[in-house]
Protein backbone atom coordinates (compact mmCIF):
# COMPACT_ATOMS: atom_id res chain seq x y z
CA UNK A 1 110.11 125.65 86.44
CA UNK A 2 107.57 123.13 87.80
CA UNK A 3 108.21 121.81 91.28
CA UNK A 4 107.44 118.34 92.64
CA UNK A 5 107.47 116.88 96.13
CA UNK A 6 108.38 113.44 97.41
CA UNK A 7 107.26 112.12 100.80
CA UNK A 8 108.99 109.30 102.68
CA UNK A 9 106.68 108.12 105.46
CA UNK A 10 109.06 105.59 106.98
CA UNK A 11 108.92 103.62 110.22
CA UNK A 12 110.91 106.18 112.16
CA UNK A 13 110.06 109.52 110.57
CA UNK A 14 108.52 111.49 107.73
CA UNK A 15 110.79 113.25 105.24
CA UNK A 16 109.64 115.68 102.55
CA UNK A 17 111.81 116.91 99.67
CA UNK A 18 110.91 119.48 97.03
CA UNK A 19 112.73 119.16 93.71
CA UNK A 20 112.91 120.76 90.31
CA UNK A 21 110.81 118.49 88.09
CA UNK A 22 113.17 118.69 85.13
CA UNK A 23 116.63 118.41 86.69
CA UNK A 24 115.86 116.65 89.96
CA UNK A 25 117.77 119.28 91.91
CA UNK A 26 116.67 119.22 95.55
CA UNK A 27 115.56 122.67 96.60
CA UNK A 28 114.43 122.14 100.18
CA UNK A 29 113.54 119.42 102.67
CA UNK A 30 111.91 118.88 106.04
CA UNK A 31 111.45 116.02 108.50
CA UNK A 32 109.56 115.06 111.63
CA UNK A 33 109.69 111.94 113.83
CA UNK A 34 107.13 109.17 114.04
CA UNK A 35 106.18 107.55 117.36
CA UNK A 36 107.96 104.39 118.46
CA UNK A 37 106.23 101.04 118.54
CA UNK A 38 104.87 98.43 116.19
CA UNK A 39 101.25 99.61 116.43
CA UNK A 40 100.66 103.24 115.45
CA UNK A 41 97.65 105.48 114.87
CA UNK A 42 97.86 106.57 111.19
CA UNK A 43 96.96 110.08 112.30
CA UNK A 44 100.47 110.31 113.77
CA UNK A 45 101.91 109.88 110.27
CA UNK A 46 99.70 112.70 109.04
CA UNK A 47 100.73 115.00 111.88
CA UNK A 48 104.41 114.31 111.14
CA UNK A 49 103.85 115.00 107.45
CA UNK A 50 102.30 118.39 108.18
CA UNK A 51 105.33 119.35 110.31
CA UNK A 52 107.79 118.08 107.69
CA UNK A 53 105.94 119.83 104.85
CA UNK A 54 106.04 123.15 106.73
CA UNK A 55 109.77 122.68 107.34
CA UNK A 56 110.20 122.17 103.59
CA UNK A 57 108.49 125.49 102.89
CA UNK A 58 105.00 124.13 102.24
CA UNK A 59 103.59 122.37 99.19
CA UNK A 60 101.26 125.08 97.85
CA UNK A 61 103.44 125.63 94.79
CA UNK A 62 104.15 122.03 93.75
CA UNK A 63 102.59 120.55 90.63
CA UNK A 64 102.71 116.91 91.72
CA UNK A 65 103.34 114.81 94.83
CA UNK A 66 104.05 111.12 95.45
CA UNK A 67 104.44 109.11 98.65
CA UNK A 68 106.93 106.36 99.47
CA UNK A 69 106.42 104.54 102.75
CA UNK A 70 107.16 101.55 104.92
CA UNK A 71 105.77 98.36 103.42
CA UNK A 72 103.30 95.75 104.63
CA UNK A 73 101.53 97.73 107.39
CA UNK A 74 97.81 97.00 107.83
CA UNK A 75 95.48 100.00 107.76
CA UNK A 76 91.79 99.10 108.11
CA UNK A 77 89.12 101.63 107.14
CA UNK A 78 85.40 101.80 107.85
CA UNK A 79 82.84 102.70 105.18
CA UNK A 80 83.17 106.41 105.92
CA UNK A 81 86.97 106.32 105.60
CA UNK A 82 87.63 106.40 109.35
CA UNK A 83 90.45 104.22 110.69
CA UNK A 84 89.04 101.12 112.42
CA UNK A 85 92.04 100.49 114.69
CA UNK A 86 95.68 101.47 115.00
CA UNK A 87 97.81 100.23 112.13
CA UNK A 88 99.97 97.15 112.65
CA UNK A 89 103.43 97.82 111.21
CA UNK A 90 105.70 95.44 109.34
CA UNK A 91 107.76 94.80 112.49
CA UNK A 92 104.80 93.70 114.62
CA UNK A 93 105.36 89.97 115.13
CA UNK A 94 102.08 88.96 116.77
CA UNK A 95 101.01 87.63 113.36
CA UNK A 96 103.80 85.03 113.15
CA UNK A 97 101.45 82.18 114.05
CA UNK A 98 98.91 83.43 111.53
CA UNK A 99 101.57 83.35 108.80
CA UNK A 100 102.33 79.70 109.55
CA UNK A 101 98.61 78.92 109.43
CA UNK A 102 98.25 80.57 106.03
CA UNK A 103 101.10 78.53 104.57
CA UNK A 104 99.38 75.35 105.73
CA UNK A 105 95.92 76.53 104.63
CA UNK A 106 97.02 76.92 101.00
CA UNK A 107 98.92 73.65 101.01
CA UNK A 108 102.51 74.72 101.54
CA UNK A 109 105.12 77.32 100.68
CA UNK A 110 105.33 76.16 97.06
CA UNK A 111 101.71 77.12 96.50
CA UNK A 112 102.31 80.63 97.83
CA UNK A 113 105.47 81.07 95.74
CA UNK A 114 103.51 80.05 92.64
CA UNK A 115 100.52 82.26 93.48
CA UNK A 116 102.09 85.57 94.49
CA UNK A 117 105.87 85.11 94.73
CA UNK A 118 105.79 85.70 98.49
CA UNK A 119 105.66 83.11 101.27
CA UNK A 120 103.80 84.45 104.34
CA UNK A 121 105.80 85.74 107.29
CA UNK A 122 104.65 87.89 110.19
CA UNK A 123 105.46 91.11 108.31
CA UNK A 124 103.10 90.79 105.37
CA UNK A 125 99.60 92.24 105.37
CA UNK A 126 97.82 88.93 104.74
CA UNK A 127 99.19 87.47 107.98
CA UNK A 128 98.09 90.57 109.89
CA UNK A 129 94.58 90.28 108.45
CA UNK A 130 94.38 86.65 109.60
CA UNK A 131 95.49 87.74 113.08
CA UNK A 132 92.83 90.47 113.11
CA UNK A 133 90.09 88.09 111.98
CA UNK A 134 90.90 85.70 114.82
CA UNK A 135 91.93 88.07 117.62
CA UNK A 136 89.62 91.02 116.96
CA UNK A 137 86.66 89.80 114.88
CA UNK A 138 84.59 92.91 115.64
CA UNK A 139 87.28 95.09 114.07
CA UNK A 140 87.48 92.70 111.14
CA UNK A 141 83.72 92.96 110.63
CA UNK A 142 83.93 96.76 110.72
CA UNK A 143 86.59 96.82 107.99
CA UNK A 144 85.24 98.08 104.66
CA UNK A 145 88.66 98.61 103.03
CA UNK A 146 92.27 97.57 103.66
CA UNK A 147 95.23 99.62 102.52
CA UNK A 148 98.92 100.19 103.18
CA UNK A 149 100.60 103.17 104.85
CA UNK A 150 101.48 104.90 101.57
CA UNK A 151 97.96 104.27 100.23
CA UNK A 152 96.47 105.91 103.30
CA UNK A 153 98.72 108.95 103.02
CA UNK A 154 97.77 109.38 99.34
CA UNK A 155 94.11 108.99 100.30
CA UNK A 156 94.43 111.78 102.87
CA UNK A 157 96.29 114.01 100.42
CA UNK A 158 93.52 113.58 97.86
CA UNK A 159 90.86 114.99 100.18
CA UNK A 160 88.48 112.25 98.93
CA UNK A 161 87.25 109.77 101.54
CA UNK A 162 86.69 107.14 98.84
CA UNK A 163 89.90 107.64 96.83
CA UNK A 164 92.07 104.60 97.46
CA UNK A 165 94.98 103.85 95.13
CA UNK A 166 98.28 102.02 95.33
CA UNK A 167 101.09 100.81 93.08
CA UNK A 168 102.55 97.44 92.12
CA UNK A 169 105.59 97.69 94.38
CA UNK A 170 103.69 98.10 97.63
CA UNK A 171 100.82 95.82 96.64
CA UNK A 172 103.33 93.03 95.95
CA UNK A 173 104.19 92.92 99.66
CA UNK A 174 100.65 92.18 100.82
CA UNK A 175 100.49 88.46 100.11
CA UNK A 176 97.40 88.88 97.91
CA UNK A 177 98.89 90.57 94.85
CA UNK A 178 101.13 88.93 92.26
CA UNK A 179 104.03 91.01 90.96
CA UNK A 180 104.36 88.56 88.07
CA UNK A 181 100.78 89.02 86.79
CA UNK A 182 100.04 92.49 88.16
CA UNK A 183 96.74 91.30 89.61
CA UNK A 184 95.15 90.91 93.02
CA UNK A 185 94.42 87.42 94.29
CA UNK A 186 91.16 88.12 96.10
CA UNK A 187 90.82 84.42 96.87
CA UNK A 188 93.94 84.74 99.04
CA UNK A 189 92.56 87.90 100.62
CA UNK A 190 89.42 85.96 101.58
CA UNK A 191 91.53 83.07 102.84
CA UNK A 192 93.49 85.42 105.06
CA UNK A 193 90.46 87.36 106.31
CA UNK A 194 88.28 84.33 107.05
CA UNK A 195 85.93 84.83 104.10
CA UNK A 196 85.70 88.62 104.25
CA UNK A 197 86.47 90.62 101.10
CA UNK A 198 87.15 94.28 101.93
CA UNK A 199 87.73 96.87 99.22
CA UNK A 200 91.30 97.14 97.97
CA UNK A 201 93.11 100.15 96.47
CA UNK A 202 93.08 100.51 92.71
CA UNK A 203 96.55 99.71 91.35
CA UNK A 204 97.88 102.62 89.29
CA UNK A 205 100.44 102.33 86.53
CA UNK A 206 103.89 103.79 87.31
CA UNK A 207 103.22 107.19 85.68
CA UNK A 208 99.48 107.29 86.37
CA UNK A 209 98.00 109.81 88.79
CA UNK A 210 94.86 111.04 90.49
CA UNK A 211 94.04 114.66 91.23
CA UNK A 212 93.83 116.33 94.62
CA UNK A 213 90.48 117.90 95.34
CA UNK A 214 89.50 120.78 97.58
CA UNK A 215 89.20 118.82 100.81
CA UNK A 216 92.91 118.22 101.46
CA UNK A 217 96.07 120.23 102.18
CA UNK A 218 97.20 120.53 98.55
CA UNK A 219 96.15 123.01 95.92
CA UNK A 220 93.17 121.62 94.01
CA UNK A 221 94.38 120.01 90.79
CA UNK A 222 97.76 118.90 92.20
CA UNK A 223 98.64 115.52 90.71
CA UNK A 224 99.13 112.59 93.09
CA UNK A 225 101.33 109.80 91.81
CA UNK A 226 100.90 106.11 92.49
CA UNK A 227 103.54 106.16 95.23
CA UNK A 228 105.71 103.19 96.16
CA UNK A 229 106.97 100.95 98.91
CA UNK A 230 110.15 102.26 100.49
CA UNK A 231 112.56 99.84 98.81
CA UNK A 232 111.08 100.52 95.36
CA UNK A 233 111.09 104.25 96.10
CA UNK A 234 114.77 104.11 96.98
CA UNK A 235 115.54 102.15 93.81
CA UNK A 236 113.80 104.85 91.76
CA UNK A 237 115.64 107.58 93.65
CA UNK A 238 118.94 105.84 92.95
CA UNK A 239 118.00 105.32 89.29
CA UNK A 240 118.59 101.58 89.72
CA UNK A 241 118.37 99.66 86.44
CA UNK A 242 118.39 95.99 85.42
CA UNK A 243 121.73 94.57 86.54
CA UNK A 244 121.93 96.84 89.60
CA UNK A 245 121.92 95.36 93.10
CA UNK A 246 121.17 97.68 96.02
CA UNK A 247 122.59 96.78 99.43
CA UNK A 248 121.11 98.82 102.26
CA UNK A 249 123.14 98.51 105.44
CA UNK A 250 121.17 100.07 108.26
CA UNK A 251 119.56 98.56 111.35
CA UNK A 252 118.91 95.53 109.18
CA UNK A 253 120.39 94.50 105.87
CA UNK A 254 118.34 94.64 102.67
CA UNK A 255 119.53 93.35 99.31
CA UNK A 256 117.40 93.95 96.22
CA UNK A 257 117.96 93.91 92.49
CA UNK A 258 116.13 95.28 89.46
CA UNK A 259 115.24 92.62 86.91
CA UNK A 260 112.59 91.73 84.35
CA UNK A 261 111.91 88.23 85.70
CA UNK A 262 109.67 87.52 88.68
CA UNK A 263 111.36 85.17 91.19
CA UNK A 264 109.83 82.03 92.65
CA UNK A 265 111.45 80.98 95.92
CA UNK A 266 109.49 78.48 98.05
CA UNK A 267 112.04 78.90 100.85
CA UNK A 268 110.64 82.38 101.37
CA UNK A 269 114.10 83.94 101.49
CA UNK A 270 113.65 85.89 98.23
CA UNK A 271 110.47 87.96 98.17
CA UNK A 272 108.96 88.53 94.74
CA UNK A 273 108.33 92.27 94.89
CA UNK A 274 107.81 94.69 92.02
CA UNK A 275 109.66 97.95 91.53
CA UNK A 276 108.13 101.36 90.74
CA UNK A 277 108.91 101.39 87.01
CA UNK A 278 107.33 98.18 85.70
CA UNK A 279 110.24 95.85 86.48
CA UNK A 280 110.61 93.29 89.26
CA UNK A 281 112.52 93.89 92.52
CA UNK A 282 113.40 90.55 94.18
CA UNK A 283 114.45 91.32 97.72
CA UNK A 284 116.05 89.62 100.72
CA UNK A 285 116.04 91.14 104.20
CA UNK A 286 118.20 90.23 107.19
CA UNK A 287 117.55 91.04 110.84
CA UNK A 288 121.14 92.06 111.50
CA UNK A 289 122.88 95.08 110.04
CA UNK A 290 125.10 97.85 111.36
CA UNK A 291 124.30 97.04 115.05
CA UNK A 292 126.60 94.02 114.64
CA UNK A 293 129.51 96.43 114.18
CA UNK A 294 128.33 98.66 117.02
CA UNK A 295 128.03 95.73 119.42
CA UNK A 296 131.50 94.44 118.56
CA UNK A 297 133.01 97.92 118.96
CA UNK A 298 131.32 98.23 122.34
CA UNK A 299 132.71 94.87 123.42
CA UNK A 300 136.18 96.00 122.35
CA UNK A 301 135.64 99.31 124.17
CA UNK A 302 136.52 101.44 121.13
CA UNK A 303 134.72 104.11 119.11
CA UNK A 304 133.79 103.57 115.46
CA UNK A 305 136.96 105.16 114.10
CA UNK A 306 139.20 102.97 116.24
CA UNK A 307 137.05 99.94 115.41
CA UNK A 308 137.65 100.54 111.70
CA UNK A 309 141.39 100.94 112.28
CA UNK A 310 141.49 97.66 114.21
CA UNK A 311 139.62 95.83 111.45
CA UNK A 312 141.91 97.15 108.73
CA UNK A 313 145.00 96.21 110.75
CA UNK A 314 144.05 92.50 110.57
CA UNK A 315 144.72 90.34 107.50
CA UNK A 316 141.88 89.18 105.22
CA UNK A 317 140.14 86.23 106.85
CA UNK A 318 141.12 87.39 110.36
CA UNK A 319 143.51 84.41 110.64
CA UNK A 320 140.60 81.97 110.55
CA UNK A 321 138.28 83.79 113.00
CA UNK A 322 134.69 83.86 111.71
CA UNK A 323 131.74 85.85 113.08
CA UNK A 324 128.20 84.54 112.70
CA UNK A 325 126.29 87.85 112.95
CA UNK A 326 122.92 86.48 114.06
CA UNK A 327 122.87 88.76 117.10
CA UNK A 328 119.08 89.29 116.89
CA UNK A 329 118.19 85.89 115.47
CA UNK A 330 117.92 85.79 111.69
CA UNK A 331 115.36 85.56 108.91
CA UNK A 332 117.73 84.92 105.97
CA UNK A 333 118.30 82.04 106.63
CA UNK A 334 115.18 81.57 108.74
CA UNK A 335 116.72 81.10 112.21
CA UNK A 336 114.59 83.27 114.52
CA UNK A 337 116.06 81.74 117.69
CA UNK A 338 119.69 81.76 116.60
CA UNK A 339 122.40 83.72 118.38
CA UNK A 340 125.67 85.16 117.19
CA UNK A 341 128.96 83.32 117.55
CA UNK A 342 132.69 83.47 116.92
CA UNK A 343 134.02 80.33 115.19
CA UNK A 344 137.56 79.11 114.71
CA UNK A 345 138.93 80.76 117.85
CA UNK A 346 142.56 79.93 118.69
CA UNK A 347 145.05 81.32 121.17
CA UNK A 348 146.84 82.97 118.26
CA UNK A 349 143.97 84.63 116.41
CA UNK A 350 141.95 85.97 119.36
CA UNK A 351 143.05 89.58 119.07
CA UNK A 352 141.07 92.84 118.95
CA UNK A 353 142.19 93.34 115.36
CA UNK A 354 140.92 89.96 114.21
CA UNK A 355 137.67 90.26 116.15
CA UNK A 356 136.94 93.62 114.51
CA UNK A 357 137.83 92.26 111.06
CA UNK A 358 135.75 89.12 111.59
CA UNK A 359 132.71 91.19 112.58
CA UNK A 360 132.93 93.24 109.38
CA UNK A 361 133.54 90.19 107.21
CA UNK A 362 130.74 88.20 108.88
CA UNK A 363 128.23 90.99 108.35
CA UNK A 364 129.25 91.37 104.71
CA UNK A 365 129.12 87.61 104.20
CA UNK A 366 125.52 87.59 105.42
CA UNK A 367 124.75 90.06 102.63
CA UNK A 368 126.60 87.95 100.05
CA UNK A 369 124.29 85.11 101.12
CA UNK A 370 121.33 87.35 100.25
CA UNK A 371 122.85 88.34 96.91
CA UNK A 372 123.51 84.70 96.05
CA UNK A 373 119.88 83.83 96.83
CA UNK A 374 118.71 86.51 94.40
CA UNK A 375 121.22 85.41 91.76
CA UNK A 376 119.98 81.83 92.11
CA UNK A 377 116.58 83.05 90.90
CA UNK A 378 118.16 83.99 87.57
CA UNK A 379 118.71 87.67 88.34
CA UNK A 380 121.72 89.22 86.63
CA UNK A 381 124.00 91.25 88.95
CA UNK A 382 126.43 93.66 87.29
CA UNK A 383 126.75 96.52 89.79
CA UNK A 384 126.57 96.64 93.57
CA UNK A 385 125.49 99.89 95.22
CA UNK A 386 125.72 100.29 99.02
CA UNK A 387 123.61 102.81 100.94
CA UNK A 388 122.84 103.24 104.63
CA UNK A 389 124.73 104.19 107.76
CA UNK A 390 126.80 101.01 107.91
CA UNK A 391 128.41 101.94 104.60
CA UNK A 392 130.08 104.97 106.21
CA UNK A 393 132.63 102.75 107.97
CA UNK A 394 136.06 102.89 106.30
CA UNK A 395 136.44 99.22 107.16
CA UNK A 396 133.21 98.29 105.37
CA UNK A 397 134.23 100.35 102.35
CA UNK A 398 137.64 98.69 102.16
CA UNK A 399 136.57 95.11 102.88
CA UNK A 400 133.25 94.93 100.98
CA UNK A 401 134.72 94.55 97.47
CA UNK A 402 136.98 91.76 98.70
CA UNK A 403 134.08 89.82 100.22
CA UNK A 404 131.65 90.51 97.34
CA UNK A 405 134.38 89.67 94.84
CA UNK A 406 133.77 92.75 92.69
CA UNK A 407 133.93 96.53 92.78
CA UNK A 408 131.34 98.19 95.03
CA UNK A 409 129.87 101.67 94.67
CA UNK A 410 129.21 103.59 97.90
CA UNK A 411 126.78 106.50 97.89
CA UNK A 412 126.66 109.44 100.24
CA UNK A 413 123.76 109.71 102.64
CA UNK A 414 120.60 110.94 100.97
CA UNK A 415 116.83 110.84 101.22
CA UNK A 416 116.59 108.34 98.39
CA UNK A 417 113.04 107.13 99.15
CA UNK A 418 111.73 110.71 99.17
CA UNK A 419 113.79 111.49 96.07
CA UNK A 420 112.33 108.44 94.32
CA UNK A 421 108.82 109.60 95.23
CA UNK A 422 109.62 113.08 93.87
CA UNK A 423 110.95 111.55 90.64
CA UNK A 424 107.74 109.57 90.30
CA UNK A 425 105.75 112.76 90.87
CA UNK A 426 107.70 114.41 88.04
CA UNK A 427 106.91 111.39 85.85
CA UNK A 428 103.17 112.09 86.22
CA UNK A 429 103.68 115.52 84.61
CA UNK A 430 105.03 114.02 81.37
CA UNK A 431 103.85 110.39 81.30
CA UNK A 432 105.89 108.03 79.16
CA UNK A 433 107.65 104.69 79.22
CA UNK A 434 110.48 105.89 81.45
CA UNK A 435 110.77 108.27 84.41
CA UNK A 436 112.48 111.63 83.87
CA UNK A 437 116.24 111.41 83.37
CA UNK A 438 117.51 112.85 86.62
CA UNK A 439 121.23 112.65 87.32
CA UNK A 440 122.36 109.54 89.15
CA UNK A 441 123.65 110.16 92.69
CA UNK A 442 127.43 110.40 92.81
CA UNK A 443 129.22 107.24 93.90
CA UNK A 444 132.68 106.37 95.18
CA UNK A 445 133.89 103.04 93.81
CA UNK A 446 135.89 100.75 96.11
CA UNK A 447 138.03 97.91 94.75
CA UNK A 448 140.05 95.11 96.37
CA UNK A 449 141.44 91.69 95.58
CA UNK A 450 138.66 89.06 96.00
CA UNK A 451 138.80 86.83 99.08
CA UNK A 452 136.42 83.93 98.25
CA UNK A 453 137.91 81.85 101.07
CA UNK A 454 136.36 84.25 103.60
CA UNK A 455 132.84 83.53 102.38
CA UNK A 456 133.55 79.81 102.13
CA UNK A 457 134.60 79.66 105.79
CA UNK A 458 131.50 81.68 106.70
CA UNK A 459 129.24 79.23 104.85
CA UNK A 460 130.89 76.33 106.69
CA UNK A 461 130.32 78.04 110.04
CA UNK A 462 126.67 78.79 109.22
CA UNK A 463 126.30 75.15 108.19
CA UNK A 464 127.30 74.15 111.71
CA UNK A 465 124.52 76.39 113.07
CA UNK A 466 121.98 74.86 110.67
CA UNK A 467 123.00 71.35 111.72
CA UNK A 468 122.43 71.97 115.43
CA UNK A 469 119.67 69.80 116.93
């Protein structure tokens, strides 16, 4: 019975799962926290991995390993493989001005959408490289290679200072790789890095692997898969297929869908990412997720159970009360300085029940907006799957199908990124056109009568925000 391991090196922690390669049954797991902040020494990820791997019983007996990790982060390496400076993570916003410069330098957002399917924002690696070139030119000059967090972890696992590989899914979030063509755009890399052209990781095919040597923590000969960005890793762990739309409701909201067509969205709302199987994974991310519900519950001075009961005691549409959930600004639509609001307040509808219901409906409507943006790119949506802590709320589970206008599948909590990485590792043992047929995670389907008027009122309220001077 061959064993495989999947690693999820996320923003907040490292998780390791060990699975049976044939069935996908999880046999053991471990985790360890990552440091806070938006600038982190990559060595901290490695230290957390070692702790998590020990908690999972060690990896001496696994046949293959793959890494899923947070996307976009900038890891700069010197010629000897040493880290040049602390990594800038996706949520480091000092590169926002650099992103705006890059859009102008290429001649507008349309040019970026055509070139790589991604319009620069502060998160992507290209914007961070431009910031580094301008703010820290000595570090830029010392950079021999640029990679992403999952690339760096694979590099360390290989025990080879020169081994640098990646996959399509993570590369597609850099701003200098096209998910549509599967090729790097080194001209855009040079544009971002002020004429410098550092080495880039070799892009492996979904089932392709390299072999761990004797200089790392794995048994020599252990296969190392291509790895994946976290969203693509989760899609693989969930066994998402064309027609599936994944809604992740955590600190932020993320909506992605598996499709065969690469999107082109000059607005920058839909990012043209790849998945980990050879398909495309158009994705939209919001800044506001489950904290919208937590903040409203705190304002109402109730716990989460009572908050859900209040929301479900109100009628659909909350008697005309609408919540705009832009509590932390917003990126979809791009309103970084926006604030949240309650619209349509009357003396009759201003009740705790309606306020709780409006908060849930407003948050879900913001995710429908994301789904509509993906659908507008020609992506077929047949099934909606909700994961993340926000999906635990009974109110979200009851109201979501009404707002989305279709049945919604809710999954139990699981380490889906790590599971996706483990499934990819198993794929390297028997390469083929498709990953191994592991059982899909169990889902509970929620149904309700559609309430399209709720989303229509939400769109009208957001339109008022967009029209503000």
